[in-house]
Amino acid sequence: MNLKRRCAAAAAVLAVAGTGLVTVQATAQATQPAQPTRSQAHKCPTLSVSRGWYGDNKARLQKMIDTYGRCDDGGHKGATRPVAAFDWDNTVIKNDVGDATMFWLLRNSKIRTPRSGDWHTTSRYLTDQAAKGLAKACPATGATLPTRRDTNCADEIVSVYSEGTTTGGDAAFAGFDHRRMEPQYAWLAQLTRGWSTRQVKDFAAAARKENLAAPVGAEQRVGTGQVTGWVRYYDQQRDLIRTLKKAGFDVYVVSASPEPVAEVWAKSVGVDARHTIGIRNVTAHGKLTARLAGCGSVKDGDDSMITYIDGKRCWINQEIYGVRGAAAEKVQPADKRQVFSAGDSDTDISFLRDATGLRLVLNRNKNELMCRAYDNGDRRWLVNPMFIEPKGELAKPYPCASTGYTERDGQEGPVRRADGSVIPDQKDTVHGP
């Protein structure tokens, strides 16, 4: 569907300035974390995996580690440790652990029947057409839905979750802020209602085992359709995370998958639950509910902000730096921002822009992200092809000057720099063969 774009320059400048990004970036250089001495830099650990890195990306990452690493005294006790923040799906791994978990839930009939059979209780953004379609396809006959054998029900859930539409083509979600909420992602967390966190972790672990064992390129049947059935860790990102941790960085995963699911997967790269941030459910009586935890000015149960675009910024500010209330939604001074961020999608754009040292982007042809990365105004963006099955060159330039940016109401417009100027269309130059 073509969306009308809004391109009033004055309004865009005011919106950007309101985040504090212009003011903060002007002072970022002066407030960078203290840099180590030359002797410290020489003792920092080095990256060991070279294949897959584009151009001088590995060398620039190593220089960042040498510059900001706390490598001499076991992490500079008493000093602030530099922070590195990674998106998870398609950044640290190939494919999506949320998808893997959803498909496992459907294949094993682990989604609970909505309260009173009302699908609106699973998401406040679900449209009437979607609620009716789900109710028709998934009649309430028991505590859990028989999606292992009921292909009509499984197909309807897959369509709503994966495509954002009913099997009949109607929009499944509406009325949300497109810069802080993606209701399709949130819906997976909400469909885990009625289970404990431990049980959801067990489900995720079972899906993980299957997807790591499956050959690259494997598909699995869910309902009547074939969906992706494999996941792989990127060796390059394992190595980077391991090296950052050895160099004294605090390494976090910030994912738009449910937090219990992300925790199961992140453990294998040395990131523990305390350093894993994802979509959080409100709990009651030891069970997950369909309501979501809030951040900043958003209260628990409002369900209007998840770890998505501006929501990732909020959750980082709140959970890592202890910023509370509405202030958590704003760009912080440079000494309260991560040194390094890595991501692959427009969902990562805000927390990538907040990084004061380097920003690593895996190229999946996402418009706003690639517009900003290729524009590279402060020379801190690194673009790398995906390490497994990299995408080839995009035939046309990214539409930065026209429709590359998604507004809060879902309309499209030009991508703007911090000063309000429009980024011109960008050619795709870093890609696979």
Protein backbone atom coordinates (compact mmCIF):
# COMPACT_ATOMS: atom_id res chain seq x y z
CA MET A 1 0.00 0.00 0.00
CA ASN A 2 1.39 3.41 -0.97
CA LEU A 3 1.54 5.83 1.94
CA LYS A 4 1.47 9.62 1.70
CA ARG A 5 4.69 11.18 2.91
CA ARG A 6 4.95 14.20 5.11
CA CYS A 7 7.94 16.36 4.38
CA ALA A 8 7.57 19.69 6.18
CA ALA A 9 11.21 20.54 6.95
CA ALA A 10 10.47 22.79 9.89
CA ALA A 11 8.45 20.14 11.67
CA ALA A 12 11.17 17.57 11.12
CA VAL A 13 13.86 19.86 12.51
CA LEU A 14 11.77 20.53 15.61
CA ALA A 15 11.15 16.81 16.07
CA VAL A 16 14.85 16.00 15.86
CA ALA A 17 15.86 18.85 18.11
CA GLY A 18 13.28 17.71 20.65
CA THR A 19 15.20 14.48 21.15
CA GLY A 20 18.23 16.47 22.25
CA LEU A 21 20.37 14.83 19.54
CA VAL A 22 21.64 18.09 18.04
CA THR A 23 22.82 19.50 21.36
CA VAL A 24 24.22 16.25 22.65
CA GLN A 25 26.16 15.42 19.49
CA ALA A 26 27.76 18.83 19.55
CA THR A 27 29.35 18.02 22.91
CA ALA A 28 29.93 14.30 22.37
CA GLN A 29 33.63 14.57 21.53
CA ALA A 30 34.40 16.51 24.69
CA THR A 31 32.63 14.02 26.93
CA GLN A 32 33.93 10.72 25.53
CA PRO A 33 35.00 8.13 28.12
CA ALA A 34 38.59 8.57 29.20
CA GLN A 35 41.02 6.87 26.82
CA PRO A 36 43.69 4.49 28.09
CA THR A 37 47.43 4.99 27.97
CA ARG A 38 49.53 3.51 25.17
CA SER A 39 50.68 0.69 27.46
CA GLN A 40 47.08 -0.26 28.22
CA ALA A 41 46.17 -0.27 24.55
CA HIS A 42 49.01 -2.68 23.75
CA LYS A 43 47.69 -5.17 26.31
CA CYS A 44 44.15 -5.31 24.96
CA PRO A 45 43.03 -8.65 23.47
CA THR A 46 42.81 -8.92 19.70
CA LEU A 47 40.10 -10.14 17.35
CA SER A 48 40.95 -13.57 15.98
CA VAL A 49 38.38 -14.11 13.19
CA SER A 50 39.28 -12.28 9.99
CA ARG A 51 37.11 -13.86 7.31
CA GLY A 52 33.88 -12.08 6.54
CA TRP A 53 34.96 -8.60 7.59
CA TYR A 54 34.69 -5.98 4.85
CA GLY A 55 37.54 -3.58 4.07
CA ASP A 56 39.13 -2.13 7.22
CA ASN A 57 36.16 -2.89 9.49
CA LYS A 58 38.08 -5.39 11.61
CA ALA A 59 41.01 -2.98 12.00
CA ARG A 60 38.71 -0.14 13.05
CA LEU A 61 36.95 -2.37 15.57
CA GLN A 62 40.32 -3.38 17.00
CA LYS A 63 41.36 0.25 17.26
CA MET A 64 38.14 0.99 19.17
CA ILE A 65 38.86 -1.89 21.54
CA ASP A 66 42.42 -0.63 22.06
CA THR A 67 41.19 2.91 22.60
CA TYR A 68 38.37 2.31 25.07
CA GLY A 69 39.24 -1.09 26.54
CA ARG A 70 40.09 -1.44 30.25
CA CYS A 71 42.82 -3.96 29.63
CA ASP A 72 45.44 -3.50 32.34
CA ASP A 73 43.82 -4.01 35.73
CA GLY A 74 40.99 -6.50 35.32
CA GLY A 75 38.50 -3.89 34.21
CA HIS A 76 39.57 -0.67 35.96
CA LYS A 77 37.83 -1.35 39.24
CA GLY A 78 35.91 1.69 40.36
CA ALA A 79 35.93 3.20 36.88
CA THR A 80 32.97 3.28 34.51
CA ARG A 81 33.20 0.40 32.08
CA PRO A 82 32.55 1.19 28.41
CA VAL A 83 29.30 -0.29 27.10
CA ALA A 84 28.75 -2.25 23.89
CA ALA A 85 25.16 -2.98 22.84
CA PHE A 86 24.18 -5.58 20.23
CA ASP A 87 20.86 -6.21 18.57
CA TRP A 88 20.33 -9.97 18.39
CA ASP A 89 18.33 -11.32 15.44
CA ASN A 90 20.29 -11.15 12.18
CA THR A 91 23.03 -9.23 14.00
CA VAL A 92 24.65 -11.83 16.27
CA ILE A 93 22.90 -14.73 14.57
CA LYS A 94 21.53 -15.49 11.13
CA ASN A 95 17.70 -15.59 11.11
CA ASP A 96 15.30 -14.82 13.93
CA VAL A 97 14.95 -16.54 17.31
CA GLY A 98 11.51 -15.03 17.80
CA ASP A 99 10.36 -16.71 14.59
CA ALA A 100 12.00 -19.96 15.66
CA THR A 101 10.14 -19.87 18.96
CA MET A 102 6.77 -18.95 17.45
CA PHE A 103 7.00 -21.77 14.93
CA TRP A 104 7.95 -24.23 17.69
CA LEU A 105 4.98 -23.10 19.80
CA LEU A 106 2.64 -23.69 16.86
CA ARG A 107 4.12 -27.07 15.95
CA ASN A 108 3.78 -28.20 19.56
CA SER A 109 0.36 -26.67 20.39
CA LYS A 110 1.71 -24.44 23.17
CA ILE A 111 -0.32 -21.25 22.57
CA ARG A 112 -3.07 -20.83 25.13
CA THR A 113 -6.64 -20.09 24.13
CA PRO A 114 -7.41 -16.36 24.63
CA ARG A 115 -9.49 -15.35 27.61
CA SER A 116 -13.18 -15.94 26.81
CA GLY A 117 -12.10 -16.70 23.25
CA ASP A 118 -11.56 -12.96 22.67
CA TRP A 119 -8.42 -12.35 20.60
CA HIS A 120 -8.51 -8.63 21.41
CA THR A 121 -7.19 -9.64 24.85
CA THR A 122 -3.92 -10.72 23.22
CA SER A 123 -3.10 -7.29 21.76
CA ARG A 124 -4.75 -3.91 22.13
CA TYR A 125 -3.74 -3.13 18.52
CA LEU A 126 -5.41 -6.15 16.93
CA THR A 127 -8.04 -5.08 14.40
CA ASP A 128 -11.60 -6.33 14.51
CA GLN A 129 -11.05 -8.18 11.22
CA ALA A 130 -8.04 -9.99 12.66
CA ALA A 131 -9.83 -10.86 15.91
CA LYS A 132 -12.78 -12.25 13.97
CA GLY A 133 -10.53 -14.18 11.59
CA LEU A 134 -8.57 -15.72 14.45
CA ALA A 135 -11.74 -16.62 16.37
CA LYS A 136 -13.17 -18.34 13.30
CA ALA A 137 -9.97 -20.24 12.51
CA CYS A 138 -9.16 -21.10 16.13
CA PRO A 139 -12.35 -22.04 18.00
CA ALA A 140 -11.91 -22.19 21.77
CA THR A 141 -12.05 -25.93 22.48
CA GLY A 142 -9.47 -26.31 25.24
CA ALA A 143 -6.79 -24.66 27.35
CA THR A 144 -4.35 -24.59 24.45
CA LEU A 145 -4.91 -24.32 20.71
CA PRO A 146 -4.41 -27.56 18.73
CA THR A 147 -2.19 -25.88 16.14
CA ARG A 148 -0.09 -29.00 15.61
CA ARG A 149 -3.00 -30.62 13.74
CA ASP A 150 -5.35 -27.65 13.14
CA THR A 151 -3.73 -26.15 10.06
CA ASN A 152 -6.39 -23.45 9.61
CA CYS A 153 -5.62 -22.05 13.06
CA ALA A 154 -1.87 -22.30 12.56
CA ASP A 155 -2.08 -20.61 9.15
CA GLU A 156 -4.09 -17.70 10.54
CA ILE A 157 -1.66 -17.10 13.41
CA VAL A 158 1.35 -17.32 11.08
CA SER A 159 -0.20 -14.80 8.71
CA VAL A 160 -1.00 -12.30 11.46
CA TYR A 161 2.43 -12.72 13.06
CA SER A 162 4.63 -12.87 9.96
CA GLU A 163 2.74 -10.68 7.48
CA GLY A 164 0.72 -8.38 9.72
CA THR A 165 -2.41 -9.35 7.79
CA THR A 166 -5.15 -11.93 8.02
CA THR A 167 -5.21 -14.80 5.55
CA GLY A 168 -7.92 -12.79 3.82
CA GLY A 169 -5.58 -9.83 3.35
CA ASP A 170 -6.99 -7.45 5.99
CA ALA A 171 -4.62 -5.42 8.18
CA ALA A 172 -4.11 -7.24 11.48
CA PHE A 173 -2.87 -4.32 13.63
CA ALA A 174 -3.60 -0.59 13.79
CA GLY A 175 -3.33 2.46 16.01
CA PHE A 176 0.25 2.12 17.26
CA ASP A 177 3.31 4.41 17.29
CA HIS A 178 5.57 3.12 14.53
CA ARG A 179 8.71 4.52 16.20
CA ARG A 180 8.31 2.64 19.47
CA MET A 181 6.05 -0.36 18.86
CA GLU A 182 5.89 -3.25 16.40
CA PRO A 183 2.77 -5.19 17.44
CA GLN A 184 3.74 -8.28 15.42
CA TYR A 185 6.92 -8.65 17.50
CA ALA A 186 5.05 -7.87 20.71
CA TRP A 187 2.36 -10.43 19.86
CA LEU A 188 4.76 -13.33 20.28
CA ALA A 189 5.53 -12.24 23.85
CA GLN A 190 1.83 -11.72 24.49
CA LEU A 191 0.97 -15.20 23.19
CA THR A 192 3.20 -16.72 25.87
CA ARG A 193 0.64 -15.66 28.47
CA GLY A 194 -0.24 -18.31 31.03
CA TRP A 195 3.22 -19.89 31.03
CA SER A 196 5.99 -19.17 33.53
CA THR A 197 9.26 -17.57 32.49
CA ARG A 198 10.99 -20.90 33.11
CA GLN A 199 8.57 -22.71 30.82
CA VAL A 200 9.05 -20.16 28.03
CA LYS A 201 12.81 -20.59 28.37
CA ASP A 202 12.33 -24.34 28.03
CA PHE A 203 10.29 -23.81 24.85
CA ALA A 204 12.99 -21.49 23.47
CA ALA A 205 15.71 -24.00 24.33
CA ALA A 206 13.86 -26.75 22.46
CA ALA A 207 13.46 -24.49 19.41
CA ARG A 208 17.13 -23.52 19.64
CA LYS A 209 18.25 -27.14 19.63
CA GLU A 210 16.17 -27.94 16.56
CA ASN A 211 17.21 -24.85 14.59
CA LEU A 212 20.94 -25.26 15.29
CA ALA A 213 20.79 -28.93 14.31
CA ALA A 214 18.94 -28.27 11.03
CA PRO A 215 21.09 -27.74 7.92
CA VAL A 216 21.58 -24.25 6.53
CA GLY A 217 18.63 -23.43 4.29
CA ALA A 218 16.27 -25.92 5.95
CA GLU A 219 12.55 -25.23 6.10
CA GLN A 220 9.88 -26.64 8.41
CA ARG A 221 6.15 -27.07 7.93
CA VAL A 222 3.86 -24.96 10.10
CA GLY A 223 0.19 -25.27 9.24
CA THR A 224 0.08 -25.78 5.49
CA GLY A 225 3.10 -23.58 4.77
CA GLN A 226 6.88 -23.86 4.78
CA VAL A 227 8.86 -21.47 7.01
CA THR A 228 12.51 -20.96 7.91
CA GLY A 229 13.80 -23.83 10.04
CA TRP A 230 17.44 -23.03 10.86
CA VAL A 231 19.56 -20.53 12.80
CA ARG A 232 23.32 -20.04 13.07
CA TYR A 233 25.54 -17.95 15.30
CA TYR A 234 27.96 -15.66 13.49
CA ASP A 235 31.55 -16.64 14.37
CA GLN A 236 32.63 -13.05 13.77
CA GLN A 237 30.18 -11.69 16.34
CA ARG A 238 31.05 -14.39 18.89
CA ASP A 239 34.68 -13.33 18.52
CA LEU A 240 33.84 -9.64 18.78
CA ILE A 241 31.72 -10.10 21.91
CA ARG A 242 34.36 -12.31 23.52
CA THR A 243 37.11 -9.78 22.76
CA LEU A 244 35.06 -6.83 24.01
CA LYS A 245 34.37 -8.61 27.29
CA LYS A 246 38.04 -9.50 27.75
CA ALA A 247 38.86 -5.84 27.12
CA GLY A 248 36.63 -4.76 30.01
CA PHE A 249 33.52 -3.72 28.08
CA ASP A 250 30.06 -4.29 29.55
CA VAL A 251 28.36 -6.14 26.68
CA TYR A 252 24.56 -6.11 26.39
CA VAL A 253 22.07 -7.70 24.03
CA VAL A 254 19.04 -5.49 23.29
CA SER A 255 16.47 -7.46 21.32
CA ALA A 256 12.92 -7.06 20.04
CA SER A 257 12.34 -10.74 20.82
CA PRO A 258 10.80 -11.78 24.15
CA GLU A 259 13.40 -11.40 26.89
CA PRO A 260 13.27 -15.05 28.11
CA VAL A 261 13.87 -16.22 24.53
CA ALA A 262 16.79 -13.83 23.98
CA GLU A 263 18.32 -14.92 27.30
CA VAL A 264 18.42 -18.57 26.21
CA TRP A 265 20.28 -17.73 23.01
CA ALA A 266 22.58 -15.00 24.38
CA LYS A 267 23.99 -17.28 27.06
CA SER A 268 26.03 -19.13 24.42
CA VAL A 269 27.97 -15.99 23.49
CA GLY A 270 28.75 -15.20 27.12
CA VAL A 271 26.00 -12.65 27.70
CA ASP A 272 24.06 -13.46 30.87
CA ALA A 273 20.44 -12.68 31.74
CA ARG A 274 21.38 -9.48 33.58
CA HIS A 275 22.90 -8.17 30.35
CA THR A 276 20.02 -9.23 28.09
CA ILE A 277 17.15 -6.84 27.43
CA GLY A 278 14.09 -7.79 25.41
CA ILE A 279 10.31 -7.51 25.39
CA ARG A 280 9.11 -8.02 28.96
CA ASN A 281 5.73 -9.30 30.03
CA VAL A 282 3.98 -8.18 33.17
CA THR A 283 3.70 -11.21 35.45
CA ALA A 284 0.92 -12.24 37.84
CA HIS A 285 0.93 -15.20 40.24
CA GLY A 286 4.16 -16.47 38.72
CA LYS A 287 2.81 -16.51 35.17
CA LEU A 288 3.31 -14.24 32.20
CA THR A 289 0.36 -12.08 31.19
CA ALA A 290 -0.50 -10.54 27.82
CA ARG A 291 0.37 -7.11 29.18
CA LEU A 292 3.83 -5.64 28.61
CA ALA A 293 6.27 -3.83 30.89
CA GLY A 294 6.74 -0.13 30.18
CA CYS A 295 9.71 2.18 29.89
CA GLY A 296 10.19 5.89 30.46
CA SER A 297 6.82 7.61 30.65
CA VAL A 298 5.02 4.42 29.54
CA LYS A 299 3.51 2.52 32.44
CA ASP A 300 3.39 -1.26 32.78
CA GLY A 301 0.34 -2.59 30.95
CA ASP A 302 0.03 0.33 28.53
CA ASP A 303 1.63 -1.91 25.90
CA SER A 304 2.76 1.06 23.82
CA MET A 305 6.57 0.76 23.87
CA ILE A 306 8.84 -2.23 23.35
CA THR A 307 12.53 -2.58 22.49
CA TYR A 308 11.93 -1.20 19.00
CA ILE A 309 13.52 1.93 17.38
CA ASP A 310 13.08 4.70 20.00
CA GLY A 311 12.01 2.05 22.51
CA LYS A 312 15.48 0.47 22.36
CA ARG A 313 16.97 3.82 23.34
CA CYS A 314 14.57 4.06 26.28
CA TRP A 315 15.30 0.57 27.56
CA ILE A 316 19.07 1.10 27.29
CA ASN A 317 18.87 4.40 29.16
CA GLN A 318 16.62 2.90 31.83
CA GLU A 319 18.19 -0.51 32.37
CA ILE A 320 21.88 0.21 31.74
CA TYR A 321 22.25 3.83 32.83
CA GLY A 322 19.48 4.10 35.43
CA VAL A 323 17.66 7.00 33.76
CA ARG A 324 14.04 7.09 34.92
CA GLY A 325 10.81 8.64 33.71
CA ALA A 326 10.39 10.56 30.48
CA ALA A 327 14.10 11.43 30.46
CA ALA A 328 14.85 7.82 29.48
CA GLU A 329 13.22 8.49 26.10
CA LYS A 330 15.72 11.24 25.29
CA VAL A 331 19.28 11.12 23.99
CA GLN A 332 21.65 11.25 26.95
CA PRO A 333 25.00 13.04 27.31
CA ALA A 334 27.84 11.11 25.68
CA ASP A 335 29.23 9.85 28.97
CA LYS A 336 25.91 8.06 29.55
CA ARG A 337 25.76 6.36 26.17
CA GLN A 338 27.24 3.19 24.77
CA VAL A 339 30.59 3.39 22.99
CA PHE A 340 29.62 0.74 20.45
CA SER A 341 26.38 -0.54 18.92
CA ALA A 342 25.65 -3.21 16.30
CA GLY A 343 22.43 -3.78 14.37
CA ASP A 344 20.90 -4.82 11.06
CA SER A 345 17.51 -3.14 10.76
CA ASP A 346 15.53 0.09 11.08
CA THR A 347 14.42 -1.19 14.49
CA ASP A 348 18.00 -0.50 15.65
CA ILE A 349 18.44 3.00 14.27
CA SER A 350 18.06 5.05 17.48
CA PHE A 351 20.43 3.07 19.67
CA LEU A 352 22.94 2.85 16.81
CA ARG A 353 22.90 6.64 16.41
CA ASP A 354 23.47 7.00 20.16
CA ALA A 355 26.79 5.10 20.06
CA THR A 356 29.70 7.49 20.58
CA GLY A 357 32.51 5.33 19.18
CA LEU A 358 31.55 3.03 16.31
CA ARG A 359 28.28 1.71 14.86
CA LEU A 360 28.37 -1.62 13.02
CA VAL A 361 25.62 -2.28 10.47
CA LEU A 362 24.99 -5.61 8.77
CA ASN A 363 23.46 -4.78 5.41
CA ARG A 364 19.98 -6.25 4.99
CA ASN A 365 18.80 -3.47 2.66
CA LYS A 366 16.76 -1.62 5.31
CA ASN A 367 16.06 1.87 4.02
CA GLU A 368 16.50 4.27 6.93
CA LEU A 369 19.39 2.35 8.45
CA MET A 370 21.35 2.17 5.21
CA CYS A 371 20.62 5.81 4.39
CA ARG A 372 22.20 6.90 7.67
CA ALA A 373 25.04 4.39 7.52
CA TYR A 374 26.07 5.32 3.98
CA ASP A 375 25.67 9.05 4.66
CA ASN A 376 28.16 8.51 7.50
CA GLY A 377 28.41 12.17 8.45
CA ASP A 378 30.63 11.63 11.51
CA ARG A 379 32.66 8.75 10.01
CA ARG A 380 31.65 6.34 12.79
CA TRP A 381 29.47 3.98 10.75
CA LEU A 382 30.82 0.61 9.61
CA VAL A 383 28.84 -1.30 6.96
CA ASN A 384 29.44 -5.02 6.52
CA PRO A 385 27.68 -7.64 4.37
CA MET A 386 25.88 -10.35 6.33
CA PHE A 387 28.35 -13.05 7.32
CA ILE A 388 26.09 -15.87 6.05
CA GLU A 389 24.16 -15.55 2.78
CA PRO A 390 24.95 -11.84 2.26
CA LYS A 391 22.57 -9.87 0.09
CA GLY A 392 23.76 -8.74 -3.31
CA GLU A 393 23.85 -5.15 -4.51
CA LEU A 394 20.53 -3.30 -4.32
CA ALA A 395 19.62 -2.42 -7.89
CA LYS A 396 18.31 1.06 -7.10
CA PRO A 397 19.62 3.68 -4.65
CA TYR A 398 18.00 3.79 -1.22
CA PRO A 399 15.10 6.33 -1.33
CA CYS A 400 16.56 8.50 1.44
CA ALA A 401 15.30 11.82 0.06
CA SER A 402 11.70 10.66 -0.40
CA THR A 403 10.34 7.63 1.50
CA GLY A 404 13.21 6.19 3.56
CA TYR A 405 11.86 7.34 6.94
CA THR A 406 8.78 5.95 8.70
CA GLU A 407 6.85 8.53 10.72
CA ARG A 408 5.14 7.74 14.02
CA ASP A 409 1.80 7.33 12.25
CA GLY A 410 3.28 5.00 9.65
CA GLN A 411 3.51 7.48 6.80
CA GLU A 412 6.77 7.75 4.88
CA GLY A 413 9.03 10.75 4.38
CA PRO A 414 12.65 11.78 3.79
CA VAL A 415 15.47 10.74 6.12
CA ARG A 416 16.96 13.80 7.83
CA ARG A 417 20.24 14.48 9.55
CA ALA A 418 20.41 15.93 13.06
CA ASP A 419 20.48 19.46 11.59
CA GLY A 420 17.29 18.80 9.61
CA SER A 421 18.90 18.55 6.19
CA VAL A 422 17.71 15.75 3.94
CA ILE A 423 20.03 12.83 3.21
CA PRO A 424 20.27 12.32 -0.56
CA ASP A 425 19.55 8.91 -2.05
CA GLN A 426 22.42 6.50 -1.36
CA LYS A 427 23.92 3.84 -3.62
CA ASP A 428 24.40 0.36 -2.16
CA THR A 429 28.21 -0.15 -2.15
CA VAL A 430 28.88 -2.76 0.58
CA HIS A 431 27.22 -6.06 -0.28
CA GLY A 432 27.72 -9.69 -1.13
CA PRO A 433 28.66 -11.07 -4.54
